[in-house]
Amino acid sequence: MPRLPVTLLSGFLGSGKTTLLSRLLRQTRMSGTAVVMNEFGEIALDHLLVATAGVQTVLLDGGCVCCAVRDDLAETLLSLHAGREAQDAPAFERVVIETSGLADPTAIAALLLRDPALAARFELDAVIVTVDALHASGQLDTQAEAVNQVMLADRLLLTKVDLVDTATREALCERLRMLNPAAMQLSCAHGEIEPSQVIGLHARGDTALDVTRWHVADPAQESGGHQGCKHDASRDHDPTCGHAAHDHGIRAHCICIDEPFDWTVLSSWLGSVAYHHGENILRMKAIVQVQDEAQPIVMHGVQRWLHEPGTLPAWPGEDRRSRFVFIVRNLPRAALTDALDAAWCEAGPGGADGDAHCRAARLV
């Protein structure tokens, strides 16, 4: 049975999520949508603002959806799905979850991955994040949640752009590119946007393009500070590839590997990283060359949970190197590369270079 797509709508307080959702739900294409809303506070109002004929709306109040009512979210989604299957409720073909402005979408994405019942019925289609052009600069300076939201986005919608001058807007766009160069940025005046820009994106299946953007279209190149991944030998982790996004200790570490991976080494490495550092990994995405696999392998995950690996029909270009992006908080690049070296060492001799010594032993 096909899984139902879930669009996660996030954004900091006052950034226009509810206005956007209200406008979207009035459009014909959004029929067949179930909406789950979360408000932080004792009095809930937002669900009244998006009430639309033909749309199911479920309110989760009493706390933030990423922590206090996380179990309620899982129960709500399963209940919606059961009602749909039993035809006890109006049919729907997609779910939109609007988080509170203080929510960290990482936790919700992880919930959809780690809960077997949810993972069997739902798949995360995209993370959409609204950004208040008037107040975002200050929010990004002081609010870790705002930074996390931007970093996890598949698409960034800039609101209130009519209230800022060109220089302010361009500076914000540049900062957002530094935080998340893979996310498309779109203006969204007064909540008006085409549904096709936010639903049915299959963004989590575009990992190859996503990873390519992080490695090749790195904004640091524009200032001359980063010239891409250059490797003179196999298994070379280029230290210049880990450009920083200096917001609340969040960084994006890019790692390119020339040599095809053995499945055992790949699993051991990512498993070790997830076990030891999962709480500090906001997101991982990769396109991987694996031994004896004709097609590129696509991988992505959140914190300690990894999606099932997928495949692409072909490589997106001539570059056949494995490329990984780890979006992390307060986690040095060496923690990732040392774990990879340990995985190679544990695998022992017989690698592509025929060397009986592990990579770590050759690092000086």
Protein backbone atom coordinates (compact mmCIF):
# COMPACT_ATOMS: atom_id res chain seq x y z
CA MET A 1 0.00 0.00 0.00
CA PRO A 2 1.48 3.40 -0.95
CA ARG A 3 2.46 5.54 1.98
CA LEU A 4 0.81 8.91 2.41
CA PRO A 5 3.01 12.00 1.96
CA VAL A 6 3.51 14.32 4.92
CA THR A 7 4.44 17.97 4.48
CA LEU A 8 6.00 19.49 7.55
CA LEU A 9 5.31 23.23 7.76
CA SER A 10 7.61 25.00 10.19
CA GLY A 11 8.91 28.48 10.86
CA PHE A 12 9.57 30.74 13.81
CA LEU A 13 6.88 32.57 15.71
CA GLY A 14 5.06 35.13 13.60
CA SER A 15 6.63 34.09 10.32
CA GLY A 16 3.30 33.52 8.59
CA LYS A 17 2.75 29.75 8.73
CA THR A 18 -0.95 29.96 9.52
CA THR A 19 -1.59 32.66 6.91
CA LEU A 20 0.16 30.53 4.32
CA LEU A 21 -1.76 27.41 5.27
CA SER A 22 -5.09 29.23 5.29
CA ARG A 23 -4.51 30.54 1.77
CA LEU A 24 -3.30 27.17 0.52
CA LEU A 25 -6.30 25.26 1.81
CA ARG A 26 -8.68 27.46 -0.16
CA GLN A 27 -7.23 26.18 -3.42
CA THR A 28 -8.82 23.25 -5.22
CA ARG A 29 -5.64 21.23 -5.43
CA MET A 30 -5.42 21.10 -1.65
CA SER A 31 -8.67 19.15 -1.31
CA GLY A 32 -8.04 15.76 0.22
CA THR A 33 -5.70 17.23 2.84
CA ALA A 34 -5.63 16.36 6.52
CA VAL A 35 -4.12 19.08 8.70
CA VAL A 36 -2.53 18.56 12.09
CA MET A 37 -1.85 21.82 13.93
CA ASN A 38 0.15 22.44 17.06
CA GLU A 39 0.00 25.57 19.19
CA PHE A 40 2.11 26.42 22.19
CA GLY A 41 -0.08 28.02 24.84
CA GLU A 42 -3.27 27.58 26.79
CA ILE A 43 -5.61 29.16 24.25
CA ALA A 44 -5.59 27.80 20.69
CA LEU A 45 -6.79 29.96 17.84
CA ASP A 46 -4.92 29.00 14.69
CA HIS A 47 -7.14 26.04 13.87
CA LEU A 48 -10.09 28.42 13.66
CA LEU A 49 -8.24 30.49 11.07
CA VAL A 50 -7.71 27.61 8.63
CA ALA A 51 -11.12 25.94 8.87
CA THR A 52 -12.05 25.03 5.30
CA ALA A 53 -14.71 22.81 3.82
CA GLY A 54 -13.40 19.40 2.82
CA VAL A 55 -10.31 19.61 5.03
CA GLN A 56 -9.85 17.65 8.25
CA THR A 57 -8.17 19.68 10.96
CA VAL A 58 -6.83 18.17 14.18
CA LEU A 59 -5.48 20.38 16.96
CA LEU A 60 -2.66 19.35 19.27
CA ASP A 61 -2.39 21.80 22.13
CA GLY A 62 -0.83 21.84 25.57
CA GLY A 63 2.77 21.85 24.46
CA CYS A 64 5.25 21.79 21.62
CA VAL A 65 4.78 19.05 19.05
CA CYS A 66 8.49 18.20 19.07
CA CYS A 67 8.57 17.39 22.78
CA ALA A 68 5.57 17.53 25.13
CA VAL A 69 2.97 16.17 22.72
CA ARG A 70 5.15 14.04 20.47
CA ASP A 71 3.31 10.88 21.46
CA ASP A 72 0.02 12.65 20.78
CA LEU A 73 1.22 13.41 17.26
CA ALA A 74 1.98 9.76 16.58
CA GLU A 75 -1.39 8.71 17.97
CA THR A 76 -3.18 11.36 15.92
CA LEU A 77 -1.55 10.32 12.67
CA LEU A 78 -2.31 6.65 13.26
CA SER A 79 -5.90 7.49 14.17
CA LEU A 80 -6.33 9.54 11.01
CA HIS A 81 -4.96 6.70 8.91
CA ALA A 82 -7.18 4.12 10.62
CA GLY A 83 -10.26 6.27 10.03
CA ARG A 84 -9.30 6.67 6.40
CA GLU A 85 -8.89 2.92 5.90
CA ALA A 86 -12.16 2.15 7.67
CA GLN A 87 -13.92 4.90 5.73
CA ASP A 88 -15.13 6.32 9.02
CA ALA A 89 -13.74 9.74 8.14
CA PRO A 90 -13.40 11.84 4.96
CA ALA A 91 -10.80 10.48 2.61
CA PHE A 92 -7.50 12.34 2.39
CA GLU A 93 -4.43 11.86 0.24
CA ARG A 94 -1.85 13.90 2.13
CA VAL A 95 -1.10 15.32 5.57
CA VAL A 96 0.20 18.77 6.47
CA ILE A 97 1.64 19.19 9.95
CA GLU A 98 1.94 22.80 11.08
CA THR A 99 4.29 23.02 14.04
CA SER A 100 4.40 25.65 16.71
CA GLY A 101 6.87 28.45 16.12
CA LEU A 102 9.16 27.03 18.81
CA ALA A 103 9.32 23.50 17.42
CA ASP A 104 12.49 21.85 16.17
CA PRO A 105 11.45 19.95 13.01
CA THR A 106 14.35 17.54 13.51
CA ALA A 107 12.47 15.71 16.26
CA ILE A 108 9.31 15.38 14.18
CA ALA A 109 11.19 14.08 11.16
CA ALA A 110 12.91 11.58 13.44
CA LEU A 111 9.55 10.47 14.79
CA LEU A 112 8.34 9.63 11.28
CA LEU A 113 11.47 7.54 10.79
CA ARG A 114 11.80 5.74 14.09
CA ASP A 115 8.18 4.72 14.71
CA PRO A 116 7.62 1.54 12.66
CA ALA A 117 3.85 2.03 12.53
CA LEU A 118 4.20 5.58 11.23
CA ALA A 119 6.98 4.70 8.80
CA ALA A 120 4.81 1.97 7.28
CA ARG A 121 1.96 4.40 6.61
CA PHE A 122 3.53 7.82 6.04
CA GLU A 123 6.55 9.29 4.31
CA LEU A 124 8.03 12.75 4.76
CA ASP A 125 7.52 14.62 1.49
CA ALA A 126 9.24 17.89 2.39
CA VAL A 127 10.05 20.32 5.17
CA ILE A 128 8.72 23.78 4.31
CA VAL A 129 9.93 26.67 6.47
CA THR A 130 8.60 30.23 6.50
CA VAL A 131 11.15 32.97 7.21
CA ASP A 132 10.10 36.42 8.41
CA ALA A 133 12.20 38.80 6.31
CA LEU A 134 11.60 41.64 8.76
CA HIS A 135 12.68 39.84 11.92
CA ALA A 136 14.68 36.81 10.78
CA SER A 137 18.11 38.35 11.28
CA GLY A 138 17.53 38.92 14.98
CA GLN A 139 15.83 35.56 15.38
CA LEU A 140 18.74 33.73 13.82
CA ASP A 141 21.11 35.58 16.14
CA THR A 142 19.28 34.63 19.32
CA GLN A 143 16.98 31.65 18.73
CA ALA A 144 18.48 28.21 18.13
CA GLU A 145 15.07 26.92 17.00
CA ALA A 146 15.01 29.41 14.13
CA VAL A 147 18.42 28.21 12.97
CA ASN A 148 17.41 24.56 13.20
CA GLN A 149 14.29 25.22 11.17
CA VAL A 150 16.26 26.85 8.37
CA MET A 151 18.91 24.14 8.33
CA LEU A 152 16.35 21.35 8.03
CA ALA A 153 14.27 23.00 5.28
CA ASP A 154 13.84 21.60 1.81
CA ARG A 155 12.23 24.89 0.78
CA LEU A 156 12.40 28.33 2.39
CA LEU A 157 9.50 30.76 1.95
CA LEU A 158 10.39 34.39 2.61
CA THR A 159 7.47 36.31 4.06
CA LYS A 160 7.02 40.06 4.71
CA VAL A 161 9.48 40.86 1.94
CA ASP A 162 7.47 43.98 1.16
CA LEU A 163 8.50 45.39 4.54
CA VAL A 164 12.27 45.33 3.98
CA ASP A 165 14.58 47.10 1.54
CA THR A 166 16.59 45.34 -1.13
CA ALA A 167 19.85 45.34 0.81
CA THR A 168 18.23 43.76 3.88
CA ARG A 169 16.57 41.11 1.78
CA GLU A 170 19.75 40.25 -0.12
CA ALA A 171 21.73 40.00 3.12
CA LEU A 172 19.13 37.64 4.57
CA CYS A 173 19.08 35.50 1.43
CA GLU A 174 22.84 35.19 1.57
CA ARG A 175 22.73 34.17 5.21
CA LEU A 176 20.08 31.57 4.46
CA ARG A 177 22.24 30.22 1.60
CA MET A 178 25.16 29.87 4.00
CA LEU A 179 22.98 27.94 6.42
CA ASN A 180 21.26 25.80 3.80
CA PRO A 181 22.49 26.11 0.20
CA ALA A 182 20.38 23.14 -0.90
CA ALA A 183 17.04 24.75 -0.05
CA MET A 184 15.24 26.71 -2.73
CA GLN A 185 14.24 30.20 -1.60
CA LEU A 186 10.89 31.62 -2.70
CA SER A 187 9.07 34.84 -1.87
CA CYS A 188 5.64 34.37 -0.37
CA ALA A 189 3.75 37.65 -0.11
CA HIS A 190 0.70 37.55 2.17
CA GLY A 191 0.65 33.75 2.11
CA GLU A 192 0.04 33.51 -1.62
CA ILE A 193 1.86 30.66 -3.33
CA GLU A 194 1.07 27.88 -5.78
CA PRO A 195 0.39 24.54 -4.06
CA SER A 196 2.84 22.87 -6.42
CA GLN A 197 5.61 24.85 -4.71
CA VAL A 198 5.03 23.19 -1.35
CA ILE A 199 3.28 19.82 -1.83
CA GLY A 200 4.16 16.79 -3.91
CA LEU A 201 7.83 17.80 -3.99
CA HIS A 202 9.29 14.37 -3.16
CA ALA A 203 12.16 16.38 -1.72
CA ARG A 204 13.50 13.50 0.30
CA GLY A 205 13.96 11.52 -2.90
CA ASP A 206 16.11 14.25 -4.43
CA THR A 207 19.05 13.54 -2.17
CA ALA A 208 21.46 13.32 -5.08
CA LEU A 209 20.64 16.82 -6.26
CA ASP A 210 20.63 18.03 -2.66
CA VAL A 211 24.08 16.65 -1.93
CA THR A 212 25.45 17.93 -5.23
CA ARG A 213 24.29 21.44 -4.36
CA TRP A 214 26.02 21.30 -0.98
CA HIS A 215 29.31 20.14 -2.49
CA VAL A 216 29.38 22.00 -5.79
CA ALA A 217 27.23 25.08 -5.22
CA ASP A 218 28.74 25.84 -1.85
CA PRO A 219 28.22 29.56 -1.24
CA ALA A 220 31.68 29.81 0.27
CA GLN A 221 33.04 29.41 -3.24
CA GLU A 222 31.60 32.76 -4.15
CA SER A 223 33.89 34.47 -1.65
CA GLY A 224 36.87 32.41 -2.71
CA GLY A 225 37.00 30.53 0.58
CA HIS A 226 36.11 27.07 -0.68
CA GLN A 227 37.04 25.51 -3.99
CA GLY A 228 35.07 22.31 -3.77
CA CYS A 229 36.26 18.81 -2.95
CA LYS A 230 39.69 18.16 -4.40
CA HIS A 231 41.36 14.81 -3.83
CA ASP A 232 44.80 13.55 -4.79
CA ALA A 233 44.31 10.07 -3.34
CA SER A 234 41.50 7.70 -2.57
CA ARG A 235 39.79 7.88 0.83
CA ASP A 236 40.78 11.55 1.13
CA HIS A 237 38.54 13.62 3.39
CA ASP A 238 39.17 17.17 2.25
CA PRO A 239 39.26 19.37 5.38
CA THR A 240 38.46 22.47 3.36
CA CYS A 241 35.14 20.90 2.47
CA GLY A 242 33.69 21.39 5.93
CA HIS A 243 32.65 25.03 5.65
CA ALA A 244 30.96 26.46 8.70
CA ALA A 245 27.60 28.00 9.27
CA HIS A 246 28.43 30.02 12.37
CA ASP A 247 25.01 29.98 14.05
CA HIS A 248 24.71 28.33 17.45
CA GLY A 249 27.48 25.84 16.73
CA ILE A 250 25.75 24.46 13.63
CA ARG A 251 27.99 23.40 10.77
CA ALA A 252 27.70 21.50 7.53
CA HIS A 253 30.49 18.96 7.07
CA CYS A 254 30.90 17.76 3.47
CA ILE A 255 32.88 14.58 2.89
CA CYS A 256 33.85 13.18 -0.51
CA ILE A 257 35.22 9.65 -0.92
CA ASP A 258 36.79 8.47 -4.15
CA GLU A 259 36.85 4.75 -3.42
CA PRO A 260 33.66 2.64 -3.65
CA PHE A 261 32.31 1.59 -0.27
CA ASP A 262 31.91 -1.91 1.03
CA TRP A 263 28.43 -2.24 2.58
CA THR A 264 29.95 -3.47 5.85
CA VAL A 265 32.22 -0.44 6.17
CA LEU A 266 29.44 1.96 5.25
CA SER A 267 27.02 0.44 7.76
CA SER A 268 29.63 0.30 10.50
CA TRP A 269 30.62 3.93 9.97
CA LEU A 270 27.14 5.43 9.89
CA GLY A 271 25.96 3.18 12.69
CA SER A 272 28.82 4.29 14.91
CA VAL A 273 28.26 7.97 14.13
CA ALA A 274 24.54 7.67 14.84
CA TYR A 275 25.12 5.81 18.11
CA HIS A 276 27.78 8.12 19.51
CA HIS A 277 26.74 11.48 18.04
CA GLY A 278 23.12 11.11 16.96
CA GLU A 279 21.76 13.87 19.19
CA ASN A 280 24.09 16.35 17.49
CA ILE A 281 23.30 15.31 13.93
CA LEU A 282 20.46 17.43 12.61
CA ARG A 283 20.48 15.79 9.23
CA MET A 284 22.55 13.47 7.05
CA LYS A 285 22.24 13.03 3.33
CA ALA A 286 24.42 11.21 0.86
CA ILE A 287 24.82 9.73 -2.59
CA VAL A 288 27.11 6.72 -2.35
CA GLN A 289 29.09 4.51 -4.68
CA VAL A 290 28.90 0.99 -3.28
CA GLN A 291 30.88 -2.00 -4.47
CA ASP A 292 28.97 -4.36 -6.79
CA GLU A 293 26.06 -1.90 -7.04
CA ALA A 294 25.45 -0.59 -10.56
CA GLN A 295 23.32 2.34 -9.40
CA PRO A 296 24.12 5.10 -6.92
CA ILE A 297 22.76 4.57 -3.43
CA VAL A 298 20.80 7.38 -1.81
CA MET A 299 20.83 7.76 1.96
CA HIS A 300 19.46 10.27 4.43
CA GLY A 301 18.58 10.39 8.07
CA VAL A 302 17.84 12.50 11.12
CA GLN A 303 19.67 12.18 14.44
CA ARG A 304 19.96 8.45 15.22
CA TRP A 305 17.52 7.27 12.57
CA LEU A 306 18.34 6.46 8.96
CA HIS A 307 15.92 6.00 6.11
CA GLU A 308 16.09 2.75 4.19
CA PRO A 309 18.70 3.20 1.44
CA GLY A 310 17.31 3.85 -2.00
CA THR A 311 18.71 3.88 -5.52
CA LEU A 312 18.79 6.31 -8.39
CA PRO A 313 18.40 5.18 -11.99
CA ALA A 314 21.68 6.89 -12.89
CA TRP A 315 24.34 9.18 -11.51
CA PRO A 316 23.48 12.90 -11.73
CA GLY A 317 26.56 13.75 -13.77
CA GLU A 318 29.96 12.20 -14.42
CA ASP A 319 31.22 12.48 -10.85
CA ARG A 320 31.07 9.00 -9.29
CA ARG A 321 32.49 9.87 -5.88
CA SER A 322 30.51 9.22 -2.75
CA ARG A 323 29.38 12.51 -1.24
CA PHE A 324 28.07 12.97 2.29
CA VAL A 325 26.64 16.00 4.03
CA PHE A 326 26.31 16.03 7.81
CA ILE A 327 24.47 19.01 9.26
CA VAL A 328 25.56 19.01 12.88
CA ARG A 329 25.54 20.98 16.11
CA ASN A 330 28.79 21.26 18.08
CA LEU A 331 30.30 18.22 16.39
CA PRO A 332 33.80 18.51 14.89
CA ARG A 333 34.57 17.12 11.49
CA ALA A 334 37.18 14.83 13.01
CA ALA A 335 34.49 12.93 14.91
CA LEU A 336 33.07 11.83 11.56
CA THR A 337 36.31 11.11 9.71
CA ASP A 338 37.85 9.30 12.68
CA ALA A 339 34.81 7.04 12.85
CA LEU A 340 35.19 6.32 9.14
CA ASP A 341 38.86 5.49 9.61
CA ALA A 342 37.93 3.17 12.47
CA ALA A 343 35.39 1.40 10.26
CA TRP A 344 38.05 0.85 7.59
CA CYS A 345 40.48 -0.36 10.22
CA GLU A 346 37.94 -2.79 11.64
CA ALA A 347 37.26 -4.17 8.16
CA GLY A 348 40.94 -5.08 7.89
CA PRO A 349 42.97 -5.75 4.73
CA GLY A 350 41.48 -6.37 1.36
CA GLY A 351 40.35 -2.85 0.52
CA ALA A 352 40.82 -1.30 -2.88
CA ASP A 353 44.36 -0.17 -2.02
CA GLY A 354 45.38 -3.62 -0.79
CA ASP A 355 46.96 -2.12 2.31
CA ALA A 356 46.82 -4.28 5.44
CA HIS A 357 47.06 -1.22 7.67
CA CYS A 358 44.06 0.87 8.51
CA ARG A 359 43.76 4.44 7.34
CA ALA A 360 44.06 5.79 10.88
CA ALA A 361 47.55 4.31 11.21
CA ARG A 362 48.73 6.38 8.23
CA LEU A 363 47.43 9.69 9.56
CA VAL A 364 50.20 11.83 10.93
